[in-house]
Protein backbone atom coordinates (compact mmCIF):
# COMPACT_ATOMS: atom_id res chain seq x y z
CA MET A 1 -0.01 0.06 -0.05
CA ASN A 2 1.18 3.56 -0.68
CA ILE A 3 0.85 6.31 1.93
CA GLY A 4 -2.42 7.56 0.47
CA ASP A 5 -4.01 4.13 0.65
CA VAL A 6 -2.90 3.43 4.26
CA ALA A 7 -3.94 7.00 5.22
CA GLU A 8 -7.44 6.47 3.86
CA ARG A 9 -7.78 3.03 5.43
CA SER A 10 -6.45 3.93 8.80
CA GLY A 11 -7.94 7.42 9.09
CA VAL A 12 -4.51 8.87 9.93
CA PRO A 13 -3.42 11.73 7.67
CA ALA A 14 -0.43 11.18 5.48
CA LYS A 15 1.43 14.01 7.15
CA THR A 16 0.93 12.36 10.52
CA ILE A 17 2.04 9.00 9.11
CA ARG A 18 5.27 10.67 7.89
CA TYR A 19 5.80 12.12 11.37
CA TYR A 20 5.19 8.71 12.99
CA GLU A 21 7.73 7.33 10.63
CA ASP A 22 10.27 10.05 11.57
CA ILE A 23 9.94 9.36 15.30
CA GLY A 24 10.06 5.54 14.79
CA LEU A 25 6.51 4.52 15.58
CA VAL A 26 6.08 2.91 12.16
CA THR A 27 8.75 1.66 9.76
CA PRO A 28 7.34 0.97 6.29
CA LEU A 29 9.42 -0.73 3.70
CA ARG A 30 10.90 1.46 0.97
CA ALA A 31 10.84 0.57 -2.67
CA ALA A 32 13.82 1.01 -4.98
CA ASN A 33 12.43 4.33 -6.03
CA GLY A 34 12.31 5.49 -2.37
CA TYR A 35 8.46 5.40 -2.06
CA ARG A 36 7.05 3.95 1.16
CA SER A 37 5.39 0.55 0.99
CA PHE A 38 3.11 -0.13 3.73
CA ARG A 39 2.21 -3.68 4.84
CA GLU A 40 -0.87 -4.81 6.55
CA ILE A 41 1.04 -4.82 9.90
CA ASP A 42 1.81 -1.17 9.30
CA PHE A 43 -1.85 -0.41 8.67
CA HIS A 44 -2.86 -2.22 11.92
CA LYS A 45 -0.15 -0.34 13.79
CA LEU A 46 -1.38 3.08 12.40
CA ALA A 47 -4.96 2.19 13.21
CA PHE A 48 -3.92 1.18 16.82
CA ILE A 49 -1.98 4.49 17.25
CA GLY A 50 -4.91 6.41 15.66
CA ARG A 51 -7.39 4.94 18.09
CA ALA A 52 -5.05 5.56 21.03
CA ARG A 53 -4.43 9.21 20.04
CA ALA A 54 -8.19 9.63 19.69
CA LEU A 55 -8.44 8.63 23.35
CA GLY A 56 -5.81 11.25 24.17
CA PHE A 57 -2.82 9.01 24.77
CA THR A 58 0.51 10.76 24.31
CA ILE A 59 2.96 9.70 21.64
CA GLU A 60 5.09 8.08 24.45
CA ASP A 61 2.09 6.36 25.77
CA CYS A 62 1.40 4.99 22.25
CA ARG A 63 4.99 3.76 22.02
CA THR A 64 4.57 1.97 25.40
CA LEU A 65 1.17 0.53 24.47
CA LEU A 66 2.51 -0.76 21.12
CA ALA A 67 5.43 -2.38 22.87
CA LEU A 68 3.03 -3.99 25.37
CA TYR A 69 0.77 -5.03 22.49
CA ASN A 70 3.60 -6.77 20.73
CA ASP A 71 4.96 -8.47 23.95
CA ASP A 72 3.45 -11.79 24.42
CA ASN A 73 4.76 -11.92 27.98
CA ARG A 74 3.09 -8.58 29.04
CA GLU A 75 0.92 -8.41 32.04
CA SER A 76 -2.37 -6.73 31.71
CA ALA A 77 -1.45 -4.81 34.85
CA GLN A 78 1.16 -2.94 32.87
CA VAL A 79 -1.40 -1.76 30.31
CA LYS A 80 -3.86 -0.91 32.99
CA ALA A 81 -1.21 1.19 34.77
CA VAL A 82 -0.65 3.29 31.59
CA ALA A 83 -4.40 3.72 31.09
CA GLU A 84 -5.06 4.57 34.74
CA GLU A 85 -2.35 7.28 34.66
CA HIS A 86 -3.84 8.75 31.54
CA LEU A 87 -7.38 8.61 33.11
CA ARG A 88 -5.92 10.41 36.14
CA GLN A 89 -4.55 13.09 33.84
CA ILE A 90 -7.90 13.47 32.13
CA ASP A 91 -9.65 13.83 35.42
CA GLU A 92 -7.24 16.61 36.37
CA LYS A 93 -7.81 18.40 33.08
CA ILE A 94 -11.61 18.17 33.55
CA SER A 95 -11.30 19.67 37.02
CA LYS A 96 -9.19 22.52 35.71
CA LEU A 97 -11.73 23.09 32.83
CA MET A 98 -14.68 23.00 35.18
CA SER A 99 -12.99 25.69 37.38
CA MET A 100 -12.33 27.80 34.30
CA LYS A 101 -15.93 27.38 33.30
CA GLU A 102 -17.22 28.47 36.67
CA THR A 103 -15.00 31.52 36.75
CA LEU A 104 -15.89 32.58 33.20
CA SER A 105 -19.58 31.98 33.76
CA SER A 106 -19.51 34.18 36.84
CA LEU A 107 -17.68 36.93 34.94
CA VAL A 108 -20.11 36.68 32.02
CA HIS A 109 -23.05 36.82 34.43
CA GLN A 110 -21.58 39.99 36.15
CA CYS A 111 -20.98 41.78 32.81
CA ALA A 112 -23.97 43.99 31.78
CA GLY A 113 -23.02 43.71 28.08
CA ASP A 114 -24.39 47.09 27.33
CA HIS A 115 -23.20 50.43 26.06
CA ARG A 116 -21.22 51.30 29.25
CA PRO A 117 -17.35 50.72 29.29
CA ASP A 118 -17.42 48.96 32.72
CA CYS A 119 -16.65 45.36 32.19
CA PRO A 120 -15.98 42.91 35.06
CA ILE A 121 -14.45 40.42 32.61
CA LEU A 122 -11.69 42.91 31.61
CA ALA A 123 -11.27 44.05 35.21
CA ASP A 124 -10.71 40.44 36.29
CA LEU A 125 -8.23 39.82 33.42
CA SER A 126 -6.24 42.92 34.38
CA VAL A 127 -5.64 41.80 37.93
CA VAL A 128 -1.92 40.96 38.32
CA ASP A 129 -1.01 38.34 40.92
CA ASP A 130 2.72 38.61 41.94
CA ALA A 131 2.77 34.83 42.50
CA THR A 132 1.81 34.27 38.81
CA PHE A 133 5.13 35.65 37.69
CA SER A 134 7.37 34.25 40.37
């Protein structure tokens, strides 16, 4: 398969596939003319990475998960540990996003949104906390 074919089948853009090749996640064969030649195993690897990335796993997590996938002696506890850490990071991001939402909702509610120049949103954004720049 050429890069266009494997990109279409896996749902991973060609540019991303080239990047994954550059960082060693996939290693397609090279034809005499230098063109990439993707095997079925490359397609499955790209689909695997695409799914993992869609779930938010980092490139390094993908590398670890691929290694575990290819290791017949792996323990599911190893895979679970990677997934649990990722889930913990997701929960932390959700918590931060919820805090941001509450703050912004409050500011939007306080703003009259009329012809006057007073704006609680801008007032809040202009507050400088010395600890922020320490």
